[in-house]
Every structure is written in C-alpha cells, then in structure tokens.
Amino acid sequence: MTDWKKQYALQEDILQYIRETVEKYDMYRKVRFEHKVKTLRWNKGRNEWDVLVENMKTGNTFTKSYDFV
C-alpha cells in the first residue's frame, strides 16, 4: 500500500485494506472460518505443505496439501 494516511498505519486503515483486497480478488470463497490449523509439515517428496485442520464447530479434522502457507 503506497497511499497510507500515516507512516505507521492505523488499525482501521489496515482493516480497510484487507477488506478491499479480499473483495477485489474474491478471496472470501476460499477462506475457512471457524477452523484452525493443528499442524504444518513439509513434505519433501511432493514439495508441499501438509496442513492438518480442525473444524472448531464439529471437532472433525482433515488434511490438505498446499504449495505455500
């Protein structure tokens, strides 16, 4: 961000920037709310991160793999 109001941005400015960016790139559909990351493990064979995630409502866990985290 190059047009901050101050050298050290205020919380409200940062939050607005995050919201605008999420909207611009349609990121809400990719975000999982009410989930938490339990573990991250680098898989050398696949060059990916294996991420163990817990659904905080149900307690169910699942693993997904990603190129970056």
PDB file of N, CA and C in Angstrom:
ATOM      1  N   MET A   1       0.856  -1.176   0.000  1.00  0.00           N
ATOM      2  CA  MET A   1       0.000   0.000   0.000  1.00  0.00           C
ATOM      3  C   MET A   1       0.897   1.232   0.000  1.00  0.00           C
ATOM      4  N   THR A   2       0.704   2.100  -0.937  1.00  0.00           N
ATOM      5  CA  THR A   2       1.587   3.268  -1.051  1.00  0.00           C
ATOM      6  C   THR A   2       0.939   4.566  -0.609  1.00  0.00           C
ATOM      7  N   ASP A   3      -0.352   4.550  -0.351  1.00  0.00           N
ATOM      8  CA  ASP A   3      -1.020   5.807  -0.009  1.00  0.00           C
ATOM      9  C   ASP A   3      -1.619   5.784   1.406  1.00  0.00           C
ATOM     10  N   TRP A   4      -0.883   5.217   2.358  1.00  0.00           N
ATOM     11  CA  TRP A   4      -1.340   5.236   3.748  1.00  0.00           C
ATOM     12  C   TRP A   4      -1.452   6.673   4.224  1.00  0.00           C
ATOM     13  N   LYS A   5      -2.343   6.921   5.164  1.00  0.00           N
ATOM     14  CA  LYS A   5      -2.510   8.263   5.717  1.00  0.00           C
ATOM     15  C   LYS A   5      -1.331   8.659   6.593  1.00  0.00           C
ATOM     16  N   LYS A   6      -0.703   7.648   7.224  1.00  0.00           N
ATOM     17  CA  LYS A   6       0.424   7.900   8.114  1.00  0.00           C
ATOM     18  C   LYS A   6       1.525   6.900   7.816  1.00  0.00           C
ATOM     19  N   GLN A   7       2.725   7.167   8.308  1.00  0.00           N
ATOM     20  CA  GLN A   7       3.834   6.245   8.095  1.00  0.00           C
ATOM     21  C   GLN A   7       3.529   4.881   8.717  1.00  0.00           C
ATOM     22  N   TYR A   8       2.968   4.888   9.920  1.00  0.00           N
ATOM     23  CA  TYR A   8       2.560   3.652  10.579  1.00  0.00           C
ATOM     24  C   TYR A   8       1.036   3.625  10.577  1.00  0.00           C
ATOM     25  N   ALA A   9       0.492   2.739   9.753  1.00  0.00           N
ATOM     26  CA  ALA A   9      -0.951   2.718   9.519  1.00  0.00           C
ATOM     27  C   ALA A   9      -1.718   2.381  10.788  1.00  0.00           C
ATOM     28  N   LEU A  10      -2.886   2.977  10.899  1.00  0.00           N
ATOM     29  CA  LEU A  10      -3.785   2.686  11.996  1.00  0.00           C
ATOM     30  C   LEU A  10      -4.544   1.392  11.710  1.00  0.00           C
ATOM     31  N   GLN A  11      -5.079   0.791  12.752  1.00  0.00           N
ATOM     32  CA  GLN A  11      -5.809  -0.467  12.621  1.00  0.00           C
ATOM     33  C   GLN A  11      -6.944  -0.344  11.617  1.00  0.00           C
ATOM     34  N   GLU A  12      -7.673   0.746  11.664  1.00  0.00           N
ATOM     35  CA  GLU A  12      -8.811   0.910  10.749  1.00  0.00           C
ATOM     36  C   GLU A  12      -8.363   0.957   9.290  1.00  0.00           C
ATOM     37  N   ASP A  13      -7.202   1.562   9.025  1.00  0.00           N
ATOM     38  CA  ASP A  13      -6.682   1.613   7.655  1.00  0.00           C
ATOM     39  C   ASP A  13      -6.248   0.229   7.181  1.00  0.00           C
ATOM     40  N   ILE A  14      -5.607  -0.529   8.063  1.00  0.00           N
ATOM     41  CA  ILE A  14      -5.169  -1.883   7.715  1.00  0.00           C
ATOM     42  C   ILE A  14      -6.379  -2.774   7.458  1.00  0.00           C
ATOM     43  N   LEU A  15      -7.376  -2.681   8.314  1.00  0.00           N
ATOM     44  CA  LEU A  15      -8.588  -3.478   8.145  1.00  0.00           C
ATOM     45  C   LEU A  15      -9.295  -3.134   6.835  1.00  0.00           C
ATOM     46  N   GLN A  16      -9.383  -1.869   6.501  1.00  0.00           N
ATOM     47  CA  GLN A  16      -9.998  -1.462   5.234  1.00  0.00           C
ATOM     48  C   GLN A  16      -9.222  -2.025   4.050  1.00  0.00           C
ATOM     49  N   TYR A  17      -7.895  -1.961   4.120  1.00  0.00           N
ATOM     50  CA  TYR A  17      -7.052  -2.507   3.054  1.00  0.00           C
ATOM     51  C   TYR A  17      -7.294  -4.013   2.886  1.00  0.00           C
ATOM     52  N   ILE A  18      -7.354  -4.746   3.998  1.00  0.00           N
ATOM     53  CA  ILE A  18      -7.587  -6.189   3.940  1.00  0.00           C
ATOM     54  C   ILE A  18      -8.951  -6.471   3.316  1.00  0.00           C
ATOM     55  N   ARG A  19      -9.973  -5.769   3.758  1.00  0.00           N
ATOM     56  CA  ARG A  19     -11.321  -5.986   3.213  1.00  0.00           C
ATOM     57  C   ARG A  19     -11.388  -5.700   1.718  1.00  0.00           C
ATOM     58  N   GLU A  20     -10.767  -4.609   1.280  1.00  0.00           N
ATOM     59  CA  GLU A  20     -10.767  -4.259  -0.139  1.00  0.00           C
ATOM     60  C   GLU A  20     -10.017  -5.303  -0.965  1.00  0.00           C
ATOM     61  N   THR A  21      -8.905  -5.787  -0.437  1.00  0.00           N
ATOM     62  CA  THR A  21      -8.118  -6.793  -1.150  1.00  0.00           C
ATOM     63  C   THR A  21      -8.874  -8.104  -1.262  1.00  0.00           C
ATOM     64  N   VAL A  22      -9.516  -8.514  -0.180  1.00  0.00           N
ATOM     65  CA  VAL A  22     -10.306  -9.750  -0.189  1.00  0.00           C
ATOM     66  C   VAL A  22     -11.441  -9.642  -1.201  1.00  0.00           C
ATOM     67  N   GLU A  23     -12.115  -8.521  -1.230  1.00  0.00           N
ATOM     68  CA  GLU A  23     -13.198  -8.312  -2.202  1.00  0.00           C
ATOM     69  C   GLU A  23     -12.653  -8.317  -3.632  1.00  0.00           C
ATOM     70  N   LYS A  24     -11.579  -7.587  -3.850  1.00  0.00           N
ATOM     71  CA  LYS A  24     -11.012  -7.442  -5.188  1.00  0.00           C
ATOM     72  C   LYS A  24     -10.643  -8.791  -5.803  1.00  0.00           C
ATOM     73  N   TYR A  25     -10.068  -9.682  -5.008  1.00  0.00           N
ATOM     74  CA  TYR A  25      -9.598 -10.973  -5.510  1.00  0.00           C
ATOM     75  C   TYR A  25     -10.546 -12.128  -5.172  1.00  0.00           C
ATOM     76  N   ASP A  26     -11.765 -11.808  -4.745  1.00  0.00           N
ATOM     77  CA  ASP A  26     -12.791 -12.813  -4.463  1.00  0.00           C
ATOM     78  C   ASP A  26     -12.254 -13.921  -3.550  1.00  0.00           C
ATOM     79  N   MET A  27     -11.638 -13.508  -2.447  1.00  0.00           N
ATOM     80  CA  MET A  27     -10.985 -14.466  -1.553  1.00  0.00           C
ATOM     81  C   MET A  27     -11.916 -15.053  -0.494  1.00  0.00           C
ATOM     82  N   TYR A  28     -13.059 -14.452  -0.249  1.00  0.00           N
ATOM     83  CA  TYR A  28     -13.960 -14.975   0.783  1.00  0.00           C
ATOM     84  C   TYR A  28     -14.357 -16.427   0.511  1.00  0.00           C
ATOM     85  N   ARG A  29     -14.513 -16.780  -0.746  1.00  0.00           N
ATOM     86  CA  ARG A  29     -14.941 -18.139  -1.062  1.00  0.00           C
ATOM     87  C   ARG A  29     -13.857 -19.166  -0.759  1.00  0.00           C
ATOM     88  N   LYS A  30     -12.628 -18.719  -0.561  1.00  0.00           N
ATOM     89  CA  LYS A  30     -11.530 -19.642  -0.278  1.00  0.00           C
ATOM     90  C   LYS A  30     -11.140 -19.672   1.198  1.00  0.00           C
ATOM     91  N   VAL A  31     -11.746 -18.813   1.993  1.00  0.00           N
ATOM     92  CA  VAL A  31     -11.416 -18.738   3.416  1.00  0.00           C
ATOM     93  C   VAL A  31     -12.305 -19.694   4.192  1.00  0.00           C
ATOM     94  N   ARG A  32     -11.717 -20.404   5.140  1.00  0.00           N
ATOM     95  CA  ARG A  32     -12.493 -21.292   6.013  1.00  0.00           C
ATOM     96  C   ARG A  32     -12.587 -20.638   7.381  1.00  0.00           C
ATOM     97  N   PHE A  33     -13.774 -20.182   7.731  1.00  0.00           N
ATOM     98  CA  PHE A  33     -13.990 -19.599   9.040  1.00  0.00           C
ATOM     99  C   PHE A  33     -14.265 -20.720  10.038  1.00  0.00           C
ATOM    100  N   GLU A  34     -14.018 -20.448  11.300  1.00  0.00           N
ATOM    101  CA  GLU A  34     -14.236 -21.400  12.390  1.00  0.00           C
ATOM    102  C   GLU A  34     -13.447 -22.686  12.204  1.00  0.00           C
ATOM    103  N   HIS A  35     -12.249 -22.573  11.647  1.00  0.00           N
ATOM    104  CA  HIS A  35     -11.308 -23.675  11.505  1.00  0.00           C
ATOM    105  C   HIS A  35      -9.964 -23.213  12.076  1.00  0.00           C
ATOM    106  N   LYS A  36      -9.164 -24.163  12.524  1.00  0.00           N
ATOM    107  CA  LYS A  36      -7.823 -23.802  12.975  1.00  0.00           C
ATOM    108  C   LYS A  36      -6.814 -24.825  12.488  1.00  0.00           C
ATOM    109  N   VAL A  37      -5.615 -24.341  12.244  1.00  0.00           N
ATOM    110  CA  VAL A  37      -4.518 -25.195  11.812  1.00  0.00           C
ATOM    111  C   VAL A  37      -3.947 -25.888  13.040  1.00  0.00           C
ATOM    112  N   LYS A  38      -3.882 -27.218  12.963  1.00  0.00           N
ATOM    113  CA  LYS A  38      -3.332 -28.007  14.067  1.00  0.00           C
ATOM    114  C   LYS A  38      -1.832 -28.242  13.862  1.00  0.00           C
ATOM    115  N   THR A  39      -1.444 -28.640  12.655  1.00  0.00           N
ATOM    116  CA  THR A  39      -0.030 -28.879  12.353  1.00  0.00           C
ATOM    117  C   THR A  39       0.271 -28.511  10.905  1.00  0.00           C
ATOM    118  N   LEU A  40       1.521 -28.161  10.674  1.00  0.00           N
ATOM    119  CA  LEU A  40       2.068 -27.946   9.329  1.00  0.00           C
ATOM    120  C   LEU A  40       3.282 -28.854   9.207  1.00  0.00           C
ATOM    121  N   ARG A  41       3.341 -29.605   8.124  1.00  0.00           N
ATOM    122  CA  ARG A  41       4.514 -30.459   7.898  1.00  0.00           C
ATOM    123  C   ARG A  41       4.937 -30.329   6.444  1.00  0.00           C
ATOM    124  N   TRP A  42       6.229 -30.121   6.238  1.00  0.00           N
ATOM    125  CA  TRP A  42       6.758 -30.023   4.886  1.00  0.00           C
ATOM    126  C   TRP A  42       6.959 -31.424   4.338  1.00  0.00           C
ATOM    127  N   ASN A  43       6.393 -31.706   3.173  1.00  0.00           N
ATOM    128  CA  ASN A  43       6.542 -32.995   2.510  1.00  0.00           C
ATOM    129  C   ASN A  43       7.606 -32.843   1.429  1.00  0.00           C
ATOM    130  N   LYS A  44       8.807 -33.344   1.699  1.00  0.00           N
ATOM    131  CA  LYS A  44       9.926 -33.195   0.759  1.00  0.00           C
ATOM    132  C   LYS A  44       9.649 -33.883  -0.576  1.00  0.00           C
ATOM    133  N   GLY A  45       8.997 -35.037  -0.528  1.00  0.00           N
ATOM    134  CA  GLY A  45       8.738 -35.794  -1.755  1.00  0.00           C
ATOM    135  C   GLY A  45       7.841 -35.064  -2.735  1.00  0.00           C
ATOM    136  N   ARG A  46       6.862 -34.332  -2.222  1.00  0.00           N
ATOM    137  CA  ARG A  46       5.924 -33.598  -3.075  1.00  0.00           C
ATOM    138  C   ARG A  46       6.204 -32.106  -3.126  1.00  0.00           C
ATOM    139  N   ASN A  47       7.143 -31.632  -2.307  1.00  0.00           N
ATOM    140  CA  ASN A  47       7.421 -30.198  -2.211  1.00  0.00           C
ATOM    141  C   ASN A  47       6.153 -29.414  -1.906  1.00  0.00           C
ATOM    142  N   GLU A  48       5.410 -29.893  -0.892  1.00  0.00           N
ATOM    143  CA  GLU A  48       4.175 -29.248  -0.475  1.00  0.00           C
ATOM    144  C   GLU A  48       4.071 -29.281   1.045  1.00  0.00           C
ATOM    145  N   TRP A  49       3.239 -28.387   1.556  1.00  0.00           N
ATOM    146  CA  TRP A  49       2.901 -28.397   2.975  1.00  0.00           C
ATOM    147  C   TRP A  49       1.677 -29.268   3.185  1.00  0.00           C
ATOM    148  N   ASP A  50       1.751 -30.188   4.128  1.00  0.00           N
ATOM    149  CA  ASP A  50       0.584 -30.941   4.575  1.00  0.00           C
ATOM    150  C   ASP A  50       0.048 -30.227   5.807  1.00  0.00           C
ATOM    151  N   VAL A  51      -1.201 -29.806   5.735  1.00  0.00           N
ATOM    152  CA  VAL A  51      -1.801 -28.984   6.784  1.00  0.00           C
ATOM    153  C   VAL A  51      -2.960 -29.752   7.419  1.00  0.00           C
ATOM    154  N   LEU A  52      -2.843 -30.013   8.706  1.00  0.00           N
ATOM    155  CA  LEU A  52      -3.924 -30.653   9.453  1.00  0.00           C
ATOM    156  C   LEU A  52      -4.804 -29.553  10.023  1.00  0.00           C
ATOM    157  N   VAL A  53      -6.087 -29.579   9.668  1.00  0.00           N
ATOM    158  CA  VAL A  53      -7.033 -28.523  10.022  1.00  0.00           C
ATOM    159  C   VAL A  53      -8.160 -29.119  10.866  1.00  0.00           C
ATOM    160  N   GLU A  54      -8.601 -28.361  11.864  1.00  0.00           N
ATOM    161  CA  GLU A  54      -9.721 -28.789  12.694  1.00  0.00           C
ATOM    162  C   GLU A  54     -10.895 -27.851  12.517  1.00  0.00           C
ATOM    163  N   ASN A  55     -12.079 -28.424  12.290  1.00  0.00           N
ATOM    164  CA  ASN A  55     -13.318 -27.660  12.277  1.00  0.00           C
ATOM    165  C   ASN A  55     -13.689 -27.421  13.737  1.00  0.00           C
ATOM    166  N   MET A  56     -13.692 -26.184  14.171  1.00  0.00           N
ATOM    167  CA  MET A  56     -13.897 -25.872  15.579  1.00  0.00           C
ATOM    168  C   MET A  56     -15.332 -26.120  16.039  1.00  0.00           C
ATOM    169  N   LYS A  57     -16.283 -26.201  15.127  1.00  0.00           N
ATOM    170  CA  LYS A  57     -17.668 -26.490  15.498  1.00  0.00           C
ATOM    171  C   LYS A  57     -17.887 -27.985  15.738  1.00  0.00           C
ATOM    172  N   THR A  58     -17.330 -28.802  14.830  1.00  0.00           N
ATOM    173  CA  THR A  58     -17.591 -30.241  14.890  1.00  0.00           C
ATOM    174  C   THR A  58     -16.470 -31.039  15.541  1.00  0.00           C
ATOM    175  N   GLY A  59     -15.270 -30.467  15.560  1.00  0.00           N
ATOM    176  CA  GLY A  59     -14.110 -31.198  16.067  1.00  0.00           C
ATOM    177  C   GLY A  59     -13.488 -32.119  15.031  1.00  0.00           C
ATOM    178  N   ASN A  60     -14.098 -32.224  13.845  1.00  0.00           N
ATOM    179  CA  ASN A  60     -13.546 -33.061  12.779  1.00  0.00           C
ATOM    180  C   ASN A  60     -12.252 -32.458  12.255  1.00  0.00           C
ATOM    181  N   THR A  61     -11.322 -33.320  11.860  1.00  0.00           N
ATOM    182  CA  THR A  61     -10.066 -32.858  11.282  1.00  0.00           C
ATOM    183  C   THR A  61      -9.908 -33.411   9.875  1.00  0.00           C
ATOM    184  N   PHE A  62      -9.121 -32.718   9.076  1.00  0.00           N
ATOM    185  CA  PHE A  62      -8.808 -33.166   7.725  1.00  0.00           C
ATOM    186  C   PHE A  62      -7.462 -32.588   7.341  1.00  0.00           C
ATOM    187  N   THR A  63      -6.818 -33.206   6.373  1.00  0.00           N
ATOM    188  CA  THR A  63      -5.520 -32.751   5.889  1.00  0.00           C
ATOM    189  C   THR A  63      -5.649 -32.296   4.454  1.00  0.00           C
ATOM    190  N   LYS A  64      -5.066 -31.135   4.154  1.00  0.00           N
ATOM    191  CA  LYS A  64      -4.999 -30.612   2.785  1.00  0.00           C
ATOM    192  C   LYS A  64      -3.533 -30.303   2.504  1.00  0.00           C
ATOM    193  N   SER A  65      -3.161 -30.302   1.242  1.00  0.00           N
ATOM    194  CA  SER A  65      -1.778 -30.008   0.839  1.00  0.00           C
ATOM    195  C   SER A  65      -1.750 -28.718   0.025  1.00  0.00           C
ATOM    196  N   TYR A  66      -0.711 -27.919   0.273  1.00  0.00           N
ATOM    197  CA  TYR A  66      -0.579 -26.605  -0.369  1.00  0.00           C
ATOM    198  C   TYR A  66       0.863 -26.364  -0.792  1.00  0.00           C
ATOM    199  N   ASP A  67       1.036 -25.579  -1.847  1.00  0.00           N
ATOM    200  CA  ASP A  67       2.371 -25.191  -2.306  1.00  0.00           C
ATOM    201  C   ASP A  67       3.024 -24.200  -1.361  1.00  0.00           C
ATOM    202  N   PHE A  68       2.213 -23.350  -0.738  1.00  0.00           N
ATOM    203  CA  PHE A  68       2.742 -22.351   0.200  1.00  0.00           C
ATOM    204  C   PHE A  68       1.717 -22.091   1.293  1.00  0.00           C
ATOM    205  N   VAL A  69       2.192 -21.611   2.415  1.00  0.00           N
ATOM    206  CA  VAL A  69       1.304 -21.244   3.513  1.00  0.00           C
ATOM    207  C   VAL A  69       1.707 -19.886   4.050  1.00  0.00           C
TER     208      VAL A  69
END
